[in-house]
Amino acid sequence: MLDDVRRSWVGPPDLQSDRAVQTARGRPAGCAESSRPSQTAHGGRFRLSEVNENATIPVTARSLSRNVRKRVWRAAPWRSGSTATWVLQVIGGTTWSSMILLRIAHRWFAILLKRGPVAVVFLMAPAFWAGLPCEEALQKYLAKEYASAAALAGQAVDKDGDDPACRHIYGLSLAALGKFSDAETNLQRAIALRPNHADYQYDLGYVLYQQKKYDQCVPVLKRAVELNGDNLMARFLLGRSYVSSHRTLLLGNFSQLALEQFRYIATKNPRFPTVHYHIAEIHSNNGFFEEAQRELNLELENFPASAQSRVALGELLLKTGQPEAALRELLLAEKHAPTIPLVHYTLAKAYRDNQDSDAALRSARRSLELDPGYADAHYLLGQLYQESGQTELARREMELFEKYRSTGP
């Protein structure tokens, strides 16, 4: 049962720090403390933010806040080299704060240069005034004032709904506020206006991923990877989306598709958080236990405090008949994550295999103290009671197991 649950696990990667996110994506990340994800593993039993207080994952609007300027630069019209855009660069300068304003004003200046001095006076003011709400939205967004950013970006979109940069910032601001449906709409519009912009594709993919729309993630993230193969986070989410959506998309080779992405990441950045863990999970589910153990050891070399990987290694060692080695790993996991129910549940199994029934009972009870609705722990405790001759307690635990298994996490 545990293997089935773990196979479908889609919780957040155990990113160890903001620096790890920077390394993973190759660009800065700025994830606010409040943006820590709530997704869990094993039916809500494994909260990675409890395992590592520095654990984080780049939530779209927050993690990309430091990259907006770079993106605006990439999307800026003067990079085409036209005379009109050169004039924009000279007049507006190349300060980062002016880029979105210049992007919006580009269309007006193209008209100016064709229609002469009168048109300059007549058209120049509306172009710049129209760009102000989008410029202010960017500043609010960078200051993490997402409600104000969304309001200002909405004004800019009302004035010019065909500006992809404004649509993009509006979508990111809405995503930061949890308004995912409207965020999707605006990010899709930005992509329609600029279909070959890799970051727009990635951001839409991430918004879909946050909503667990994994089947919709796959084509969007595939396109993001096609446009920018160096975006390792896009590859990471694509790999996980393959695993999570294989039943919906009828992907018979989903594990191979996911492995291709994870292996590429491991080659480019061997210290990418949890990449070896995910490779190990695929190998383990396919029955390649030696390969799985090797990958978990690599993960733990990079991140010794990863209780998630310790538990996975302990499970693997139990499965391959090495209970003493499993117990050592799980005791280390307990040291790093003493409040995680799954750690104590797996410890109980290891004690049981090491013929220490009293310790197994203590660990199973501790798991249920931390999570009284943990169905698998009730089942294991019932078995332990039955083995120790406490039939009435065993019967009660089995009833609780049936109760919580039917209701689910």
Protein backbone atom coordinates (compact mmCIF):
# COMPACT_ATOMS: atom_id res chain seq x y z
CA MET A 1 0.00 0.00 0.00
CA LEU A 2 2.81 2.37 0.85
CA ASP A 3 4.45 1.76 -2.51
CA ASP A 4 1.18 2.58 -4.29
CA VAL A 5 0.87 5.83 -2.40
CA ARG A 6 4.49 6.76 -2.96
CA ARG A 7 4.16 5.98 -6.64
CA SER A 8 1.51 8.64 -7.01
CA TRP A 9 3.25 11.18 -4.79
CA VAL A 10 3.32 14.65 -6.27
CA GLY A 11 4.40 16.81 -3.35
CA PRO A 12 6.87 19.68 -3.63
CA PRO A 13 10.58 19.07 -4.20
CA ASP A 14 12.63 19.26 -1.06
CA LEU A 15 14.53 22.34 -2.12
CA GLN A 16 17.05 23.06 0.56
CA SER A 17 17.40 26.80 0.18
CA ASP A 18 16.86 29.74 -2.13
CA ARG A 19 20.40 29.15 -3.37
CA ALA A 20 19.39 25.65 -4.41
CA VAL A 21 16.52 27.13 -6.39
CA GLN A 22 18.90 29.54 -8.06
CA THR A 23 21.17 26.67 -9.03
CA ALA A 24 18.25 24.59 -10.20
CA ARG A 25 16.80 27.18 -12.51
CA GLY A 26 19.94 29.12 -13.33
CA ARG A 27 18.39 32.40 -12.21
CA PRO A 28 17.52 34.09 -8.92
CA ALA A 29 14.47 33.06 -6.96
CA GLY A 30 12.61 34.96 -4.29
CA CYS A 31 10.04 32.81 -2.59
CA ALA A 32 8.18 34.49 0.23
CA GLU A 33 7.89 32.57 3.49
CA SER A 34 4.12 32.51 3.17
CA SER A 35 4.39 30.78 -0.19
CA ARG A 36 5.57 27.46 1.19
CA PRO A 37 3.49 24.76 -0.39
CA SER A 38 0.93 22.66 1.42
CA GLN A 39 1.22 19.58 -0.80
CA THR A 40 2.24 16.50 1.11
CA ALA A 41 3.37 12.97 0.54
CA HIS A 42 1.74 9.78 1.73
CA GLY A 43 -1.74 11.19 2.13
CA GLY A 44 -0.63 14.31 3.94
CA ARG A 45 1.75 12.49 6.27
CA PHE A 46 5.03 13.88 4.99
CA ARG A 47 5.27 17.67 5.14
CA LEU A 48 8.59 18.65 3.68
CA SER A 49 8.46 22.11 5.22
CA GLU A 50 8.53 20.31 8.57
CA VAL A 51 11.44 18.17 7.48
CA ASN A 52 13.60 21.12 6.58
CA GLU A 53 12.80 24.60 7.81
CA ASN A 54 14.55 26.03 4.74
CA ALA A 55 12.57 23.89 2.32
CA THR A 56 10.91 25.90 -0.41
CA ILE A 57 9.65 25.68 -3.93
CA PRO A 58 9.38 28.58 -6.36
CA VAL A 59 5.72 29.58 -6.47
CA THR A 60 5.27 31.27 -9.84
CA ALA A 61 4.49 34.84 -8.95
CA ARG A 62 6.85 34.98 -6.01
CA SER A 63 9.81 33.10 -7.36
CA LEU A 64 9.86 35.03 -10.61
CA SER A 65 9.67 38.49 -9.08
CA ARG A 66 13.39 39.09 -9.47
CA ASN A 67 13.32 37.95 -13.05
CA VAL A 68 10.66 40.27 -14.43
CA ARG A 69 13.23 42.84 -15.46
CA LYS A 70 15.28 40.29 -17.33
CA ARG A 71 12.16 39.05 -19.08
CA VAL A 72 11.08 42.53 -20.05
CA TRP A 73 14.53 43.07 -21.49
CA ARG A 74 14.19 39.89 -23.53
CA ALA A 75 10.79 40.96 -24.77
CA ALA A 76 11.78 44.58 -25.32
CA PRO A 77 11.16 45.84 -28.85
CA TRP A 78 14.48 47.63 -29.34
CA ARG A 79 16.25 44.28 -29.57
CA SER A 80 14.87 43.97 -33.09
CA GLY A 81 17.25 46.73 -34.16
CA SER A 82 14.68 48.89 -35.98
CA THR A 83 15.05 52.68 -36.17
CA ALA A 84 11.88 53.20 -34.15
CA THR A 85 13.08 51.02 -31.34
CA TRP A 86 16.50 52.67 -31.37
CA VAL A 87 14.75 56.03 -30.82
CA LEU A 88 12.85 54.47 -27.91
CA GLN A 89 16.07 53.29 -26.34
CA VAL A 90 17.68 56.73 -26.65
CA ILE A 91 14.65 58.61 -25.28
CA GLY A 92 13.70 56.23 -22.50
CA GLY A 93 17.14 54.97 -21.57
CA THR A 94 17.83 51.35 -20.69
CA THR A 95 16.93 51.57 -17.04
CA TRP A 96 15.10 48.47 -15.99
CA SER A 97 12.11 50.41 -14.69
CA SER A 98 11.46 51.93 -18.13
CA MET A 99 11.34 48.72 -20.11
CA ILE A 100 7.67 47.85 -19.85
CA LEU A 101 6.75 51.47 -20.53
CA LEU A 102 8.89 51.41 -23.66
CA ARG A 103 7.38 48.13 -24.74
CA ILE A 104 3.89 49.60 -24.60
CA ALA A 105 4.95 52.82 -26.31
CA HIS A 106 6.68 51.10 -29.21
CA ARG A 107 3.61 50.99 -31.43
CA TRP A 108 3.01 54.71 -31.00
CA PHE A 109 6.57 55.67 -31.94
CA ALA A 110 6.42 53.58 -35.06
CA ILE A 111 3.51 55.81 -36.12
CA LEU A 112 5.33 58.95 -34.98
CA LEU A 113 8.30 58.39 -37.25
CA LYS A 114 6.02 57.99 -40.25
CA ARG A 115 3.70 60.94 -39.65
CA GLY A 116 6.08 63.71 -38.70
CA PRO A 117 6.35 66.44 -36.00
CA VAL A 118 2.61 67.04 -35.57
CA ALA A 119 2.02 63.41 -34.85
CA VAL A 120 4.89 63.46 -32.35
CA VAL A 121 3.16 66.09 -30.22
CA PHE A 122 -0.27 64.50 -30.60
CA LEU A 123 0.61 60.87 -30.06
CA MET A 124 3.55 60.90 -27.69
CA ALA A 125 1.65 61.81 -24.50
CA PRO A 126 -1.10 59.16 -24.71
CA ALA A 127 1.48 56.46 -25.35
CA PHE A 128 3.46 57.19 -22.22
CA TRP A 129 0.40 57.83 -20.04
CA ALA A 130 -1.08 54.53 -21.18
CA GLY A 131 2.11 52.78 -20.10
CA LEU A 132 2.13 54.18 -16.57
CA PRO A 133 -0.26 51.67 -14.94
CA CYS A 134 1.80 48.75 -16.26
CA GLU A 135 5.02 50.38 -15.06
CA GLU A 136 3.51 50.95 -11.63
CA ALA A 137 2.22 47.37 -11.59
CA LEU A 138 5.75 46.14 -12.14
CA GLN A 139 7.05 48.19 -9.22
CA LYS A 140 4.27 46.93 -6.94
CA TYR A 141 4.90 43.39 -8.07
CA LEU A 142 8.59 43.62 -7.30
CA ALA A 143 7.67 44.98 -3.86
CA LYS A 144 5.40 41.92 -3.40
CA GLU A 145 2.31 44.12 -3.17
CA TYR A 146 0.40 41.72 -5.35
CA ALA A 147 -3.10 43.14 -4.87
CA SER A 148 -1.95 46.60 -5.97
CA ALA A 149 0.05 45.08 -8.81
CA ALA A 150 -2.98 43.17 -10.06
CA ALA A 151 -5.17 46.28 -9.93
CA LEU A 152 -2.66 48.40 -11.84
CA ALA A 153 -1.88 45.67 -14.36
CA GLY A 154 -5.62 45.25 -14.89
CA GLN A 155 -5.86 48.94 -15.76
CA ALA A 156 -3.00 48.58 -18.22
CA VAL A 157 -4.65 45.56 -19.83
CA ASP A 158 -7.93 47.48 -20.12
CA LYS A 159 -6.09 50.18 -22.05
CA ASP A 160 -4.06 47.81 -24.19
CA GLY A 161 -5.14 44.19 -24.09
CA ASP A 162 -2.68 43.23 -26.80
CA ASP A 163 0.49 43.92 -24.84
CA PRO A 164 1.99 40.54 -23.87
CA ALA A 165 4.24 41.96 -21.14
CA CYS A 166 1.29 43.57 -19.34
CA ARG A 167 -0.77 40.41 -19.74
CA HIS A 168 2.14 38.45 -18.30
CA ILE A 169 2.57 40.65 -15.22
CA TYR A 170 -1.19 40.68 -14.70
CA GLY A 171 -1.25 36.88 -14.84
CA LEU A 172 1.65 36.57 -12.38
CA SER A 173 0.02 39.01 -9.97
CA LEU A 174 -3.26 37.11 -10.08
CA ALA A 175 -1.44 33.83 -9.52
CA ALA A 176 0.24 35.31 -6.44
CA LEU A 177 -3.23 36.10 -5.11
CA GLY A 178 -4.44 32.57 -5.79
CA LYS A 179 -6.77 33.65 -8.60
CA PHE A 180 -5.56 30.89 -10.86
CA SER A 181 -8.39 30.87 -13.39
CA ASP A 182 -7.90 34.55 -14.27
CA ALA A 183 -4.15 34.06 -14.14
CA GLU A 184 -4.42 31.26 -16.70
CA THR A 185 -6.53 33.44 -18.98
CA ASN A 186 -4.01 36.27 -19.01
CA LEU A 187 -0.96 34.04 -19.35
CA GLN A 188 -2.64 32.22 -22.23
CA ARG A 189 -3.31 35.58 -23.87
CA ALA A 190 0.34 36.58 -23.40
CA ILE A 191 1.37 33.34 -25.09
CA ALA A 192 -1.08 33.90 -27.93
CA LEU A 193 0.51 37.31 -28.50
CA ARG A 194 4.05 35.98 -28.14
CA PRO A 195 3.97 32.21 -28.67
CA ASN A 196 7.73 31.68 -28.71
CA HIS A 197 8.45 33.23 -25.33
CA ALA A 198 9.81 30.41 -23.18
CA ASP A 199 9.16 32.06 -19.82
CA TYR A 200 5.52 32.72 -20.63
CA GLN A 201 5.10 29.01 -21.38
CA TYR A 202 6.87 28.03 -18.17
CA ASP A 203 4.81 30.38 -16.01
CA LEU A 204 1.54 29.05 -17.43
CA GLY A 205 2.78 25.52 -16.88
CA TYR A 206 3.59 26.31 -13.28
CA VAL A 207 0.19 27.86 -12.62
CA LEU A 208 -1.40 24.69 -13.99
CA TYR A 209 0.96 22.57 -11.88
CA GLN A 210 -0.01 24.45 -8.73
CA GLN A 211 -3.61 23.46 -9.41
CA LYS A 212 -2.61 19.83 -10.03
CA LYS A 213 -3.77 20.02 -13.63
CA TYR A 214 -0.97 17.70 -14.60
CA ASP A 215 -2.44 16.55 -17.90
CA GLN A 216 -2.62 20.18 -19.04
CA CYS A 217 0.88 20.84 -17.73
CA VAL A 218 2.53 18.36 -20.07
CA PRO A 219 2.12 20.14 -23.44
CA VAL A 220 2.79 23.58 -21.97
CA LEU A 221 5.95 22.52 -20.14
CA LYS A 222 7.11 20.52 -23.15
CA ARG A 223 6.90 23.71 -25.20
CA ALA A 224 8.78 25.63 -22.50
CA VAL A 225 11.57 23.05 -22.63
CA GLU A 226 11.65 23.16 -26.43
CA LEU A 227 12.08 26.94 -26.31
CA ASN A 228 14.60 26.91 -23.46
CA GLY A 229 16.21 23.58 -22.74
CA ASP A 230 18.33 25.09 -19.96
CA ASN A 231 15.32 25.75 -17.74
CA LEU A 232 15.91 22.83 -15.40
CA MET A 233 12.88 23.59 -13.26
CA ALA A 234 10.66 23.31 -16.35
CA ARG A 235 12.20 19.91 -17.05
CA PHE A 236 11.72 18.89 -13.41
CA LEU A 237 8.03 19.78 -13.39
CA LEU A 238 7.57 18.15 -16.78
CA GLY A 239 9.05 14.91 -15.46
CA ARG A 240 6.77 14.94 -12.45
CA SER A 241 3.77 15.81 -14.60
CA TYR A 242 4.47 12.77 -16.79
CA VAL A 243 4.27 10.56 -13.70
CA SER A 244 1.18 12.24 -12.28
CA SER A 245 -0.82 12.34 -15.52
CA HIS A 246 0.10 9.00 -17.12
CA ARG A 247 -3.31 7.46 -16.45
CA THR A 248 -5.20 10.46 -17.82
CA LEU A 249 -2.96 10.83 -20.88
CA LEU A 250 -2.57 7.04 -21.30
CA LEU A 251 1.21 7.28 -21.33
CA GLY A 252 2.55 3.74 -21.39
CA ASN A 253 6.15 4.95 -21.34
CA PHE A 254 5.67 7.68 -18.74
CA SER A 255 8.52 6.43 -16.55
CA GLN A 256 10.96 6.62 -19.46
CA LEU A 257 9.72 10.09 -20.40
CA ALA A 258 10.18 11.26 -16.81
CA LEU A 259 13.60 9.64 -16.55
CA GLU A 260 14.78 11.50 -19.65
CA GLN A 261 14.01 14.81 -17.98
CA PHE A 262 15.45 13.88 -14.59
CA ARG A 263 18.64 12.44 -16.09
CA TYR A 264 19.18 15.57 -18.15
CA ILE A 265 18.87 17.64 -14.96
CA ALA A 266 21.25 15.35 -13.06
CA THR A 267 23.80 15.67 -15.84
CA LYS A 268 23.61 19.45 -15.93
CA ASN A 269 23.35 19.94 -12.18
CA PRO A 270 24.01 16.85 -10.02
CA ARG A 271 23.04 18.85 -6.92
CA PHE A 272 19.59 19.77 -8.16
CA PRO A 273 17.40 19.11 -5.10
CA THR A 274 15.52 15.76 -5.12
CA VAL A 275 16.42 14.86 -8.70
CA HIS A 276 18.25 11.70 -7.59
CA TYR A 277 15.37 10.93 -5.25
CA HIS A 278 12.90 11.01 -8.14
CA ILE A 279 15.14 8.88 -10.34
CA ALA A 280 15.37 6.40 -7.45
CA GLU A 281 11.59 6.27 -7.08
CA ILE A 282 11.18 5.35 -10.74
CA HIS A 283 13.88 2.66 -10.52
CA SER A 284 12.33 1.26 -7.34
CA ASN A 285 8.86 1.08 -8.83
CA ASN A 286 10.31 -0.68 -11.87
CA GLY A 287 12.11 -3.22 -9.67
CA PHE A 288 15.65 -1.92 -10.22
CA PHE A 289 16.60 -1.79 -6.55
CA GLU A 290 20.38 -1.46 -6.93
CA GLU A 291 20.00 1.55 -9.23
CA ALA A 292 17.47 3.05 -6.84
CA GLN A 293 19.79 2.65 -3.86
CA ARG A 294 22.66 4.24 -5.77
CA GLU A 295 20.54 7.28 -6.61
CA LEU A 296 19.30 7.67 -3.03
CA ASN A 297 22.88 7.54 -1.77
CA LEU A 298 23.77 10.33 -4.22
CA GLU A 299 20.83 12.39 -2.98
CA LEU A 300 21.92 11.94 0.62
CA GLU A 301 25.51 12.85 -0.20
CA ASN A 302 24.21 16.17 -1.45
CA PHE A 303 21.51 16.67 1.20
CA PRO A 304 22.22 14.60 4.33
CA ALA A 305 19.30 16.16 6.21
CA SER A 306 16.71 15.01 3.67
CA ALA A 307 14.39 12.85 5.78
CA GLN A 308 12.33 12.12 2.69
CA SER A 309 15.28 10.40 1.05
CA ARG A 310 16.25 8.63 4.29
CA VAL A 311 12.76 7.17 4.58
CA ALA A 312 12.84 6.07 0.94
CA LEU A 313 16.22 4.41 1.49
CA GLY A 314 14.97 2.74 4.66
CA GLU A 315 11.94 1.37 2.79
CA LEU A 316 14.19 0.10 0.02
CA LEU A 317 16.53 -1.63 2.47
CA LEU A 318 13.59 -3.30 4.20
CA LYS A 319 12.30 -4.45 0.84
CA THR A 320 15.67 -5.99 -0.03
CA GLY A 321 16.06 -7.79 3.31
CA GLN A 322 18.47 -5.43 5.09
CA PRO A 323 16.57 -4.49 8.27
CA GLU A 324 19.61 -3.44 10.33
CA ALA A 325 20.82 -1.02 7.67
CA ALA A 326 17.26 0.23 7.25
CA LEU A 327 16.97 0.93 10.98
CA ARG A 328 20.18 2.99 10.93
CA GLU A 329 18.86 5.16 8.10
CA LEU A 330 15.46 5.60 9.72
CA LEU A 331 16.94 6.62 13.05
CA LEU A 332 18.81 9.36 11.20
CA ALA A 333 15.55 10.37 9.54
CA GLU A 334 13.92 10.58 12.98
CA LYS A 335 16.74 12.83 14.15
CA HIS A 336 16.10 15.26 11.29
CA ALA A 337 12.30 14.99 11.26
CA PRO A 338 10.97 13.92 14.67
CA THR A 339 7.43 15.20 14.01
CA ILE A 340 6.77 13.43 10.71
CA PRO A 341 4.28 10.55 11.11
CA LEU A 342 5.69 8.64 8.13
CA VAL A 343 9.13 8.49 9.76
CA HIS A 344 7.76 6.78 12.86
CA TYR A 345 5.51 4.51 10.80
CA THR A 346 8.49 3.27 8.79
CA LEU A 347 10.57 3.00 11.95
CA ALA A 348 7.91 0.70 13.40
CA LYS A 349 8.25 -1.56 10.37
CA ALA A 350 12.03 -1.60 10.74
CA TYR A 351 11.86 -2.45 14.47
CA ARG A 352 9.41 -5.21 13.65
CA ASP A 353 11.79 -6.71 11.08
CA ASN A 354 14.58 -6.47 13.67
CA GLN A 355 12.46 -8.49 16.13
CA ASP A 356 12.03 -5.58 18.55
CA SER A 357 8.27 -5.66 19.11
CA ASP A 358 8.22 -3.19 22.02
CA ALA A 359 10.06 -0.51 20.01
CA ALA A 360 7.82 -1.24 17.03
CA LEU A 361 4.72 -0.66 19.15
CA ARG A 362 6.14 2.61 20.51
CA SER A 363 6.91 3.92 17.03
CA ALA A 364 3.52 2.92 15.64
CA ARG A 365 1.75 4.62 18.54
CA ARG A 366 3.91 7.72 18.09
CA SER A 367 2.95 7.89 14.43
CA LEU A 368 -0.73 7.89 15.42
CA GLU A 369 -0.17 10.49 18.12
CA LEU A 370 1.10 12.79 15.39
CA ASP A 371 -1.70 11.85 12.99
CA PRO A 372 -4.69 9.97 14.48
CA GLY A 373 -6.22 9.54 11.01
CA TYR A 374 -3.24 7.71 9.53
CA ALA A 375 -4.93 4.57 8.16
CA ASP A 376 -1.77 2.59 7.35
CA ALA A 377 -0.41 3.18 10.85
CA HIS A 378 -3.63 1.81 12.35
CA TYR A 379 -3.25 -1.29 10.20
CA LEU A 380 0.37 -1.80 11.24
CA LEU A 381 -0.43 -1.24 14.91
CA GLY A 382 -3.26 -3.75 14.63
CA GLN A 383 -0.86 -6.32 13.23
CA LEU A 384 1.62 -5.65 16.04
CA TYR A 385 -1.10 -6.06 18.66
CA GLN A 386 -2.21 -9.30 17.03
CA GLU A 387 1.35 -10.64 17.04
CA SER A 388 1.72 -9.81 20.74
CA GLY A 389 -1.56 -11.54 21.63
CA GLN A 390 -3.58 -8.36 22.31
CA THR A 391 -6.52 -9.37 20.16
CA GLU A 392 -9.04 -6.82 21.43
CA LEU A 393 -6.68 -3.92 20.77
CA ALA A 394 -5.86 -5.43 17.38
CA ARG A 395 -9.56 -5.60 16.48
CA ARG A 396 -10.05 -1.95 17.45
CA GLU A 397 -7.12 -0.83 15.30
CA MET A 398 -8.43 -2.75 12.31
CA GLU A 399 -11.80 -1.03 12.70
CA LEU A 400 -10.05 2.33 12.74
CA PHE A 401 -8.07 1.32 9.69
CA GLU A 402 -11.29 0.57 7.78
CA LYS A 403 -12.81 3.83 8.94
CA TYR A 404 -9.95 6.05 7.85
CA ARG A 405 -9.21 4.09 4.69
CA SER A 406 -12.76 4.66 3.49
CA THR A 407 -12.75 8.39 4.30
CA GLY A 408 -9.25 8.99 2.92
CA PRO A 409 -6.84 11.78 3.90
